[in-house]
PDB file of N, CA and C in Angstrom:
ATOM      1  N   MET A   1      53.389-131.709  11.775  1.00  0.00           N
ATOM      2  CA  MET A   1      52.452-129.663  12.207  1.00  0.00           C
ATOM      3  C   MET A   1      50.957-130.339  11.750  1.00  0.00           C
ATOM      4  N   ILE A   2      50.044-129.801  12.498  1.00  0.00           N
ATOM      5  CA  ILE A   2      48.972-130.155  12.465  1.00  0.00           C
ATOM      6  C   ILE A   2      48.211-128.472  12.262  1.00  0.00           C
ATOM      7  N   GLU A   3      47.424-128.606  10.873  1.00  0.00           N
ATOM      8  CA  GLU A   3      46.625-127.543   9.628  1.00  0.00           C
ATOM      9  C   GLU A   3      45.200-127.989   9.456  1.00  0.00           C
ATOM     10  N   LEU A   4      44.729-126.703  10.011  1.00  0.00           N
ATOM     11  CA  LEU A   4      43.241-126.492   9.614  1.00  0.00           C
ATOM     12  C   LEU A   4      42.985-126.355   7.915  1.00  0.00           C
ATOM     13  N   VAL A   5      42.556-127.057   6.850  1.00  0.00           N
ATOM     14  CA  VAL A   5      42.579-126.198   5.976  1.00  0.00           C
ATOM     15  C   VAL A   5      41.552-126.414   5.087  1.00  0.00           C
ATOM     16  N   GLU A   6      41.115-125.699   3.965  1.00  0.00           N
ATOM     17  CA  GLU A   6      39.816-125.797   3.591  1.00  0.00           C
ATOM     18  C   GLU A   6      39.590-126.893   3.320  1.00  0.00           C
ATOM     19  N   ILE A   7      37.804-128.132   3.108  1.00  0.00           N
ATOM     20  CA  ILE A   7      37.797-129.311   2.871  1.00  0.00           C
ATOM     21  C   ILE A   7      37.424-128.940   0.971  1.00  0.00           C
ATOM     22  N   ASP A   8      38.052-130.434   0.039  1.00  0.00           N
ATOM     23  CA  ASP A   8      38.072-129.432  -1.025  1.00  0.00           C
ATOM     24  C   ASP A   8      38.055-131.471  -1.712  1.00  0.00           C
ATOM     25  N   GLN A   9      38.142-131.771  -2.763  1.00  0.00           N
ATOM     26  CA  GLN A   9      38.093-132.451  -3.562  1.00  0.00           C
ATOM     27  C   GLN A   9      39.543-133.618  -3.251  1.00  0.00           C
ATOM     28  N   ARG A  10      39.900-132.992  -3.046  1.00  0.00           N
ATOM     29  CA  ARG A  10      41.841-134.022  -2.551  1.00  0.00           C
ATOM     30  C   ARG A  10      41.035-134.199  -1.021  1.00  0.00           C
ATOM     31  N   HIS A  11      40.091-134.311  -0.298  1.00  0.00           N
ATOM     32  CA  HIS A  11      39.608-134.983   1.079  1.00  0.00           C
ATOM     33  C   HIS A  11      38.607-135.747   0.907  1.00  0.00           C
ATOM     34  N   LYS A  12      37.881-136.000  -0.114  1.00  0.00           N
ATOM     35  CA  LYS A  12      36.470-137.213  -0.080  1.00  0.00           C
ATOM     36  C   LYS A  12      37.017-138.710   0.642  1.00  0.00           C
ATOM     37  N   GLU A  13      38.638-139.173  -0.132  1.00  0.00           N
ATOM     38  CA  GLU A  13      38.874-140.425  -0.250  1.00  0.00           C
ATOM     39  C   GLU A  13      38.658-140.532   1.559  1.00  0.00           C
ATOM     40  N   GLY A  14      39.136-139.173   1.804  1.00  0.00           N
ATOM     41  CA  GLY A  14      39.209-140.055   3.591  1.00  0.00           C
ATOM     42  C   GLY A  14      38.202-138.659   4.679  1.00  0.00           C
ATOM     43  N   VAL A  15      37.627-138.511   4.415  1.00  0.00           N
ATOM     44  CA  VAL A  15      35.829-137.529   4.492  1.00  0.00           C
ATOM     45  C   VAL A  15      35.007-139.354   4.559  1.00  0.00           C
ATOM     46  N   ILE A  16      34.343-140.297   3.572  1.00  0.00           N
ATOM     47  CA  ILE A  16      34.516-141.131   3.189  1.00  0.00           C
ATOM     48  C   ILE A  16      35.028-142.596   4.523  1.00  0.00           C
ATOM     49  N   ARG A  17      36.658-142.044   4.080  1.00  0.00           N
ATOM     50  CA  ARG A  17      36.536-143.454   5.030  1.00  0.00           C
ATOM     51  C   ARG A  17      36.835-143.324   7.206  1.00  0.00           C
ATOM     52  N   ILE A  18      36.423-141.997   6.831  1.00  0.00           N
ATOM     53  CA  ILE A  18      36.953-141.816   8.575  1.00  0.00           C
ATOM     54  C   ILE A  18      35.704-141.512   9.037  1.00  0.00           C
ATOM     55  N   LEU A  19      33.806-140.911   8.027  1.00  0.00           N
ATOM     56  CA  LEU A  19      33.132-140.954   8.551  1.00  0.00           C
ATOM     57  C   LEU A  19      32.246-142.327   8.463  1.00  0.00           C
ATOM     58  N   ASN A  20      33.136-143.820   8.106  1.00  0.00           N
ATOM     59  CA  ASN A  20      32.427-144.882   8.423  1.00  0.00           C
ATOM     60  C   ASN A  20      32.901-145.345   9.338  1.00  0.00           C
ATOM     61  N   MET A  21      33.980-145.225   9.935  1.00  0.00           N
ATOM     62  CA  MET A  21      35.034-145.356  11.140  1.00  0.00           C
ATOM     63  C   MET A  21      33.404-145.155  12.105  1.00  0.00           C
ATOM     64  N   PRO A  22      33.068-147.156  13.153  1.00  0.00           N
ATOM     65  CA  PRO A  22      31.941-146.376  13.924  1.00  0.00           C
ATOM     66  C   PRO A  22      32.748-145.812  14.786  1.00  0.00           C
ATOM     67  N   GLU A  23      33.871-145.709  15.718  1.00  0.00           N
ATOM     68  CA  GLU A  23      33.789-144.723  16.381  1.00  0.00           C
ATOM     69  C   GLU A  23      34.281-143.398  16.553  1.00  0.00           C
ATOM     70  N   VAL A  24      33.726-143.282  15.028  1.00  0.00           N
ATOM     71  CA  VAL A  24      33.389-141.650  15.009  1.00  0.00           C
ATOM     72  C   VAL A  24      32.752-142.141  14.649  1.00  0.00           C
ATOM     73  N   GLU A  25      31.538-142.184  13.733  1.00  0.00           N
ATOM     74  CA  GLU A  25      30.714-142.244  13.971  1.00  0.00           C
ATOM     75  C   GLU A  25      29.316-141.979  14.898  1.00  0.00           C
ATOM     76  N   LYS A  26      29.501-143.644  16.055  1.00  0.00           N
ATOM     77  CA  LYS A  26      28.337-143.421  16.728  1.00  0.00           C
ATOM     78  C   LYS A  26      28.669-141.872  17.900  1.00  0.00           C
ATOM     79  N   TRP A  27      29.152-140.725  17.370  1.00  0.00           N
ATOM     80  CA  TRP A  27      29.609-139.411  18.166  1.00  0.00           C
ATOM     81  C   TRP A  27      28.926-138.793  17.361  1.00  0.00           C
ATOM     82  N   LEU A  28      28.592-138.696  16.207  1.00  0.00           N
ATOM     83  CA  LEU A  28      27.959-137.468  15.317  1.00  0.00           C
ATOM     84  C   LEU A  28      26.642-137.386  14.918  1.00  0.00           C
ATOM     85  N   ILE A  29      26.014-136.568  15.249  1.00  0.00           N
ATOM     86  CA  ILE A  29      24.539-136.581  15.145  1.00  0.00           C
ATOM     87  C   ILE A  29      23.481-136.317  13.774  1.00  0.00           C
ATOM     88  N   GLY A  30      25.314-136.105  12.508  1.00  0.00           N
ATOM     89  CA  GLY A  30      23.923-135.396  11.049  1.00  0.00           C
ATOM     90  C   GLY A  30      24.490-136.218  10.071  1.00  0.00           C
ATOM     91  N   PRO A  31      25.813-136.949   9.712  1.00  0.00           N
ATOM     92  CA  PRO A  31      25.950-137.551   8.734  1.00  0.00           C
ATOM     93  C   PRO A  31      25.808-138.886   8.160  1.00  0.00           C
ATOM     94  N   PRO A  32      24.681-139.753   7.364  1.00  0.00           N
ATOM     95  CA  PRO A  32      24.743-140.277   7.212  1.00  0.00           C
ATOM     96  C   PRO A  32      25.824-141.637   7.431  1.00  0.00           C
ATOM     97  N   TYR A  33      25.058-142.614   7.675  1.00  0.00           N
ATOM     98  CA  TYR A  33      26.030-143.929   7.873  1.00  0.00           C
ATOM     99  C   TYR A  33      24.848-144.894   7.643  1.00  0.00           C
ATOM    100  N   PRO A  34      25.584-145.999   6.768  1.00  0.00           N
ATOM    101  CA  PRO A  34      27.021-145.304   6.123  1.00  0.00           C
ATOM    102  C   PRO A  34      27.390-144.340   5.149  1.00  0.00           C
ATOM    103  N   TYR A  35      28.532-143.669   4.969  1.00  0.00           N
ATOM    104  CA  TYR A  35      28.516-142.891   4.583  1.00  0.00           C
ATOM    105  C   TYR A  35      28.668-143.104   3.229  1.00  0.00           C
ATOM    106  N   SER A  36      28.299-143.160   1.776  1.00  0.00           N
ATOM    107  CA  SER A  36      28.230-142.656   0.371  1.00  0.00           C
ATOM    108  C   SER A  36      29.633-141.924  -0.040  1.00  0.00           C
ATOM    109  N   GLU A  37      30.035-142.527  -1.386  1.00  0.00           N
ATOM    110  CA  GLU A  37      30.422-141.173  -2.304  1.00  0.00           C
ATOM    111  C   GLU A  37      29.595-139.970  -2.399  1.00  0.00           C
ATOM    112  N   LYS A  38      28.192-140.258  -2.613  1.00  0.00           N
ATOM    113  CA  LYS A  38      27.749-138.962  -3.194  1.00  0.00           C
ATOM    114  C   LYS A  38      27.466-138.694  -1.776  1.00  0.00           C
ATOM    115  N   ASP A  39      27.568-138.802  -0.349  1.00  0.00           N
ATOM    116  CA  ASP A  39      26.795-137.800  -0.011  1.00  0.00           C
ATOM    117  C   ASP A  39      28.375-137.450   1.161  1.00  0.00           C
ATOM    118  N   ALA A  40      29.315-137.995   0.324  1.00  0.00           N
ATOM    119  CA  ALA A  40      30.778-136.775  -0.095  1.00  0.00           C
ATOM    120  C   ALA A  40      30.803-135.775  -0.400  1.00  0.00           C
ATOM    121  N   ASP A  41      30.366-135.732  -2.032  1.00  0.00           N
ATOM    122  CA  ASP A  41      30.214-135.126  -2.999  1.00  0.00           C
ATOM    123  C   ASP A  41      29.678-134.119  -2.635  1.00  0.00           C
ATOM    124  N   GLU A  42      28.879-134.083  -2.095  1.00  0.00           N
ATOM    125  CA  GLU A  42      27.381-133.776  -1.238  1.00  0.00           C
ATOM    126  C   GLU A  42      28.136-132.153  -0.379  1.00  0.00           C
ATOM    127  N   PHE A  43      28.418-133.113   0.685  1.00  0.00           N
ATOM    128  CA  PHE A  43      29.550-132.313   1.322  1.00  0.00           C
ATOM    129  C   PHE A  43      30.470-131.432   1.013  1.00  0.00           C
ATOM    130  N   ILE A  44      30.944-132.185  -0.124  1.00  0.00           N
ATOM    131  CA  ILE A  44      32.476-131.003  -0.311  1.00  0.00           C
ATOM    132  C   ILE A  44      31.521-129.676  -0.749  1.00  0.00           C
ATOM    133  N   GLU A  45      30.856-130.423  -1.888  1.00  0.00           N
ATOM    134  CA  GLU A  45      30.143-129.265  -2.626  1.00  0.00           C
ATOM    135  C   GLU A  45      29.470-127.637  -1.305  1.00  0.00           C
ATOM    136  N   ARG A  46      28.436-128.545   0.438  1.00  0.00           N
ATOM    137  CA  ARG A  46      27.804-128.124   0.480  1.00  0.00           C
ATOM    138  C   ARG A  46      29.557-126.614   1.427  1.00  0.00           C
ATOM    139  N   CYS A  47      30.530-126.883   1.323  1.00  0.00           N
ATOM    140  CA  CYS A  47      31.085-126.012   2.268  1.00  0.00           C
ATOM    141  C   CYS A  47      31.752-125.625   1.334  1.00  0.00           C
ATOM    142  N   LYS A  48      31.775-125.121   0.336  1.00  0.00           N
ATOM    143  CA  LYS A  48      32.001-124.036  -0.600  1.00  0.00           C
ATOM    144  C   LYS A  48      30.618-122.829  -0.409  1.00  0.00           C
ATOM    145  N   ILE A  49      30.019-124.336  -0.633  1.00  0.00           N
ATOM    146  CA  ILE A  49      28.845-122.703  -0.030  1.00  0.00           C
ATOM    147  C   ILE A  49      28.545-122.488   0.271  1.00  0.00           C
ATOM    148  N   GLU A  50      28.590-123.291   1.596  1.00  0.00           N
ATOM    149  CA  GLU A  50      29.293-122.299   3.527  1.00  0.00           C
ATOM    150  C   GLU A  50      30.121-121.211   3.467  1.00  0.00           C
ATOM    151  N   LYS A  51      31.240-121.075   2.560  1.00  0.00           N
ATOM    152  CA  LYS A  51      32.112-121.090   2.972  1.00  0.00           C
ATOM    153  C   LYS A  51      31.816-119.080   2.614  1.00  0.00           C
ATOM    154  N   GLN A  52      31.273-119.629   1.516  1.00  0.00           N
ATOM    155  CA  GLN A  52      31.415-117.552   0.370  1.00  0.00           C
ATOM    156  C   GLN A  52      29.611-117.408   1.408  1.00  0.00           C
ATOM    157  N   ASN A  53      28.966-118.350   2.124  1.00  0.00           N
ATOM    158  CA  ASN A  53      28.437-117.371   2.726  1.00  0.00           C
ATOM    159  C   ASN A  53      28.344-116.817   4.126  1.00  0.00           C
ATOM    160  N   GLN A  54      29.607-116.934   4.693  1.00  0.00           N
ATOM    161  CA  GLN A  54      29.998-116.137   5.848  1.00  0.00           C
ATOM    162  C   GLN A  54      29.351-116.580   7.343  1.00  0.00           C
ATOM    163  N   LYS A  55      28.816-118.320   7.114  1.00  0.00           N
ATOM    164  CA  LYS A  55      28.022-118.150   7.972  1.00  0.00           C
ATOM    165  C   LYS A  55      28.464-119.013   9.103  1.00  0.00           C
ATOM    166  N   ASN A  56      29.009-120.478   8.419  1.00  0.00           N
ATOM    167  CA  ASN A  56      29.562-121.456   9.079  1.00  0.00           C
ATOM    168  C   ASN A  56      30.832-121.767   8.047  1.00  0.00           C
ATOM    169  N   PHE A  57      31.161-122.166   8.651  1.00  0.00           N
ATOM    170  CA  PHE A  57      32.945-122.350   9.042  1.00  0.00           C
ATOM    171  C   PHE A  57      33.451-124.248   8.343  1.00  0.00           C
ATOM    172  N   LEU A  58      34.063-124.300   7.527  1.00  0.00           N
ATOM    173  CA  LEU A  58      33.789-126.198   7.555  1.00  0.00           C
ATOM    174  C   LEU A  58      35.535-127.120   7.406  1.00  0.00           C
ATOM    175  N   PHE A  59      36.167-126.857   7.995  1.00  0.00           N
ATOM    176  CA  PHE A  59      37.876-127.556   7.631  1.00  0.00           C
ATOM    177  C   PHE A  59      38.555-128.957   8.104  1.00  0.00           C
ATOM    178  N   ALA A  60      38.981-129.254   7.344  1.00  0.00           N
ATOM    179  CA  ALA A  60      39.819-130.586   7.072  1.00  0.00           C
ATOM    180  C   ALA A  60      40.637-130.835   8.773  1.00  0.00           C
ATOM    181  N   ILE A  61      40.776-131.799   9.491  1.00  0.00           N
ATOM    182  CA  ILE A  61      42.147-131.086  10.668  1.00  0.00           C
ATOM    183  C   ILE A  61      43.494-132.559   9.726  1.00  0.00           C
ATOM    184  N   GLU A  62      44.786-131.943   9.768  1.00  0.00           N
ATOM    185  CA  GLU A  62      45.589-132.993   8.732  1.00  0.00           C
ATOM    186  C   GLU A  62      46.689-132.520  10.190  1.00  0.00           C
ATOM    187  N   LEU A  63      47.597-133.525   9.647  1.00  0.00           N
ATOM    188  CA  LEU A  63      48.431-133.576  10.845  1.00  0.00           C
ATOM    189  C   LEU A  63      49.310-134.465   9.637  1.00  0.00           C
ATOM    190  N   ASP A  64      50.476-133.747   9.575  1.00  0.00           N
ATOM    191  CA  ASP A  64      51.527-133.617   8.010  1.00  0.00           C
ATOM    192  C   ASP A  64      51.245-134.288   6.676  1.00  0.00           C
ATOM    193  N   TYR A  65      50.165-133.299   6.439  1.00  0.00           N
ATOM    194  CA  TYR A  65      49.339-133.737   5.154  1.00  0.00           C
ATOM    195  C   TYR A  65      48.009-134.457   5.119  1.00  0.00           C
ATOM    196  N   ILE A  66      48.050-135.662   6.629  1.00  0.00           N
ATOM    197  CA  ILE A  66      47.921-136.916   6.149  1.00  0.00           C
ATOM    198  C   ILE A  66      46.191-136.070   7.369  1.00  0.00           C
ATOM    199  N   HIS A  67      45.294-136.235   6.398  1.00  0.00           N
ATOM    200  CA  HIS A  67      43.467-136.137   6.723  1.00  0.00           C
ATOM    201  C   HIS A  67      43.077-137.332   7.884  1.00  0.00           C
ATOM    202  N   ILE A  68      43.164-135.750   8.820  1.00  0.00           N
ATOM    203  CA  ILE A  68      43.141-137.152  10.022  1.00  0.00           C
ATOM    204  C   ILE A  68      41.399-136.474  10.974  1.00  0.00           C
ATOM    205  N   GLY A  69      40.764-135.784  10.613  1.00  0.00           N
ATOM    206  CA  GLY A  69      39.535-135.212  10.717  1.00  0.00           C
ATOM    207  C   GLY A  69      38.429-133.545  10.396  1.00  0.00           C
ATOM    208  N   GLY A  70      37.741-133.477  11.060  1.00  0.00           N
ATOM    209  CA  GLY A  70      37.399-132.388  10.742  1.00  0.00           C
ATOM    210  C   GLY A  70      36.717-131.563  11.266  1.00  0.00           C
ATOM    211  N   ILE A  71      37.038-130.854  11.547  1.00  0.00           N
ATOM    212  CA  ILE A  71      35.844-129.235  12.862  1.00  0.00           C
ATOM    213  C   ILE A  71      35.138-127.696  11.619  1.00  0.00           C
ATOM    214  N   SER A  72      33.878-127.701  12.534  1.00  0.00           N
ATOM    215  CA  SER A  72      33.660-126.800  12.091  1.00  0.00           C
ATOM    216  C   SER A  72      32.480-125.879  13.088  1.00  0.00           C
ATOM    217  N   LEU A  73      32.429-124.848  12.894  1.00  0.00           N
ATOM    218  CA  LEU A  73      31.713-123.252  13.404  1.00  0.00           C
ATOM    219  C   LEU A  73      30.895-123.186  13.054  1.00  0.00           C
ATOM    220  N   HIS A  74      29.940-122.529  13.318  1.00  0.00           N
ATOM    221  CA  HIS A  74      28.622-122.072  13.148  1.00  0.00           C
ATOM    222  C   HIS A  74      28.215-120.837  13.849  1.00  0.00           C
ATOM    223  N   LEU A  75      28.197-120.430  12.545  1.00  0.00           N
ATOM    224  CA  LEU A  75      27.151-118.682  13.918  1.00  0.00           C
ATOM    225  C   LEU A  75      25.194-119.137  14.144  1.00  0.00           C
ATOM    226  N   VAL A  76      24.817-118.627  15.166  1.00  0.00           N
ATOM    227  CA  VAL A  76      24.063-118.237  15.125  1.00  0.00           C
ATOM    228  C   VAL A  76      23.597-117.309  15.182  1.00  0.00           C
ATOM    229  N   GLU A  77      24.246-115.922  15.835  1.00  0.00           N
ATOM    230  CA  GLU A  77      23.847-115.170  15.869  1.00  0.00           C
ATOM    231  C   GLU A  77      25.251-114.475  15.757  1.00  0.00           C
ATOM    232  N   ALA A  78      25.489-112.986  15.705  1.00  0.00           N
ATOM    233  CA  ALA A  78      26.801-112.595  15.395  1.00  0.00           C
ATOM    234  C   ALA A  78      28.095-112.979  16.490  1.00  0.00           C
ATOM    235  N   ASN A  79      26.912-112.856  18.105  1.00  0.00           N
ATOM    236  CA  ASN A  79      28.085-113.439  18.847  1.00  0.00           C
ATOM    237  C   ASN A  79      27.905-114.726  19.720  1.00  0.00           C
ATOM    238  N   SER A  80      28.210-115.085  19.177  1.00  0.00           N
ATOM    239  CA  SER A  80      27.307-116.810  19.211  1.00  0.00           C
ATOM    240  C   SER A  80      27.092-117.797  18.237  1.00  0.00           C
ATOM    241  N   GLY A  81      27.462-118.862  18.583  1.00  0.00           N
ATOM    242  CA  GLY A  81      27.486-120.127  17.634  1.00  0.00           C
ATOM    243  C   GLY A  81      28.322-121.339  18.422  1.00  0.00           C
ATOM    244  N   TRP A  82      28.363-122.362  17.813  1.00  0.00           N
ATOM    245  CA  TRP A  82      28.294-124.188  18.177  1.00  0.00           C
ATOM    246  C   TRP A  82      30.495-124.716  17.217  1.00  0.00           C
ATOM    247  N   ILE A  83      30.283-124.875  17.771  1.00  0.00           N
ATOM    248  CA  ILE A  83      31.028-126.067  16.805  1.00  0.00           C
ATOM    249  C   ILE A  83      31.492-127.166  17.274  1.00  0.00           C
ATOM    250  N   GLY A  84      31.556-127.787  16.160  1.00  0.00           N
ATOM    251  CA  GLY A  84      31.756-129.640  15.628  1.00  0.00           C
ATOM    252  C   GLY A  84      33.020-130.310  15.566  1.00  0.00           C
ATOM    253  N   TYR A  85      33.766-130.702  15.835  1.00  0.00           N
ATOM    254  CA  TYR A  85      34.731-131.743  15.414  1.00  0.00           C
ATOM    255  C   TYR A  85      34.569-133.234  14.780  1.00  0.00           C
ATOM    256  N   TYR A  86      35.199-133.682  14.566  1.00  0.00           N
ATOM    257  CA  TYR A  86      35.132-135.130  14.406  1.00  0.00           C
ATOM    258  C   TYR A  86      37.113-135.210  13.982  1.00  0.00           C
ATOM    259  N   ILE A  87      37.332-136.858  14.740  1.00  0.00           N
ATOM    260  CA  ILE A  87      39.282-136.810  14.871  1.00  0.00           C
ATOM    261  C   ILE A  87      38.750-138.690  14.874  1.00  0.00           C
ATOM    262  N   ILE A  88      40.139-139.053  14.132  1.00  0.00           N
ATOM    263  CA  ILE A  88      40.719-140.427  14.000  1.00  0.00           C
ATOM    264  C   ILE A  88      40.406-140.565  15.455  1.00  0.00           C
ATOM    265  N   ARG A  89      40.380-141.707  16.073  1.00  0.00           N
ATOM    266  CA  ARG A  89      40.522-142.526  18.144  1.00  0.00           C
ATOM    267  C   ARG A  89      42.084-141.894  17.899  1.00  0.00           C
ATOM    268  N   THR A  90      42.597-143.427  16.752  1.00  0.00           N
ATOM    269  CA  THR A  90      43.937-143.892  17.229  1.00  0.00           C
ATOM    270  C   THR A  90      45.823-143.207  17.226  1.00  0.00           C
ATOM    271  N   ILE A  91      44.925-141.643  16.330  1.00  0.00           N
ATOM    272  CA  ILE A  91      45.759-140.083  16.092  1.00  0.00           C
ATOM    273  C   ILE A  91      45.674-139.444  17.342  1.00  0.00           C
ATOM    274  N   THR A  92      44.379-139.416  17.886  1.00  0.00           N
ATOM    275  CA  THR A  92      44.505-138.125  19.216  1.00  0.00           C
ATOM    276  C   THR A  92      45.319-138.196  19.885  1.00  0.00           C
ATOM    277  N   GLU A  93      46.180-139.603  20.595  1.00  0.00           N
ATOM    278  CA  GLU A  93      47.042-139.058  21.749  1.00  0.00           C
ATOM    279  C   GLU A  93      47.876-138.018  21.085  1.00  0.00           C
ATOM    280  N   LYS A  94      48.710-138.483  19.903  1.00  0.00           N
ATOM    281  CA  LYS A  94      49.355-137.889  18.477  1.00  0.00           C
ATOM    282  C   LYS A  94      49.909-136.717  18.673  1.00  0.00           C
ATOM    283  N   VAL A  95      48.004-136.011  17.973  1.00  0.00           N
ATOM    284  CA  VAL A  95      47.672-134.900  18.396  1.00  0.00           C
ATOM    285  C   VAL A  95      48.071-134.389  19.671  1.00  0.00           C
ATOM    286  N   MET A  96      46.990-134.337  20.436  1.00  0.00           N
ATOM    287  CA  MET A  96      47.575-133.988  21.610  1.00  0.00           C
ATOM    288  C   MET A  96      48.895-133.926  22.517  1.00  0.00           C
ATOM    289  N   GLU A  97      49.695-134.758  22.127  1.00  0.00           N
ATOM    290  CA  GLU A  97      51.003-134.519  22.700  1.00  0.00           C
ATOM    291  C   GLU A  97      51.122-133.603  21.834  1.00  0.00           C
ATOM    292  N   ARG A  98      51.811-133.344  19.923  1.00  0.00           N
ATOM    293  CA  ARG A  98      51.842-132.290  19.593  1.00  0.00           C
ATOM    294  C   ARG A  98      51.343-130.485  19.936  1.00  0.00           C
ATOM    295  N   MET A  99      49.651-130.431  20.158  1.00  0.00           N
ATOM    296  CA  MET A  99      49.421-129.913  20.605  1.00  0.00           C
ATOM    297  C   MET A  99      50.065-129.137  22.276  1.00  0.00           C
ATOM    298  N   LEU A 100      49.583-129.861  22.904  1.00  0.00           N
ATOM    299  CA  LEU A 100      50.364-129.557  24.233  1.00  0.00           C
ATOM    300  C   LEU A 100      51.885-129.640  24.618  1.00  0.00           C
ATOM    301  N   TYR A 101      52.569-130.333  23.673  1.00  0.00           N
ATOM    302  CA  TYR A 101      53.833-130.497  24.128  1.00  0.00           C
ATOM    303  C   TYR A 101      54.978-129.462  22.990  1.00  0.00           C
ATOM    304  N   GLY A 102      54.268-129.524  21.649  1.00  0.00           N
ATOM    305  CA  GLY A 102      55.288-129.622  21.001  1.00  0.00           C
ATOM    306  C   GLY A 102      56.007-131.071  19.952  1.00  0.00           C
ATOM    307  N   LYS A 103      55.753-131.970  20.267  1.00  0.00           N
ATOM    308  CA  LYS A 103      56.635-132.642  19.785  1.00  0.00           C
ATOM    309  C   LYS A 103      56.369-133.428  18.945  1.00  0.00           C
TER     310      LYS A 103
END
């Protein structure tokens, strides 16, 4: 099952691993590279603050309880914003198959 879940400490290792993958990093404009444990701690803390502010919403993407990526919604105004996401390339085909065909 594919789920969006709140990012917390249990995702720390996955965030570090995924954001240090060259095939993920090359598409991102924000996170530092290489991505450190300190970066992950700051990110997880920022996720908590953003949730309280109700302006930016950040989630981990999990496939069968395995952290495979992240997605965020950033509100600019009441009716506009932008979405960003990252996902492990090797799993993308499996995710799309499940989303499209329920396999």
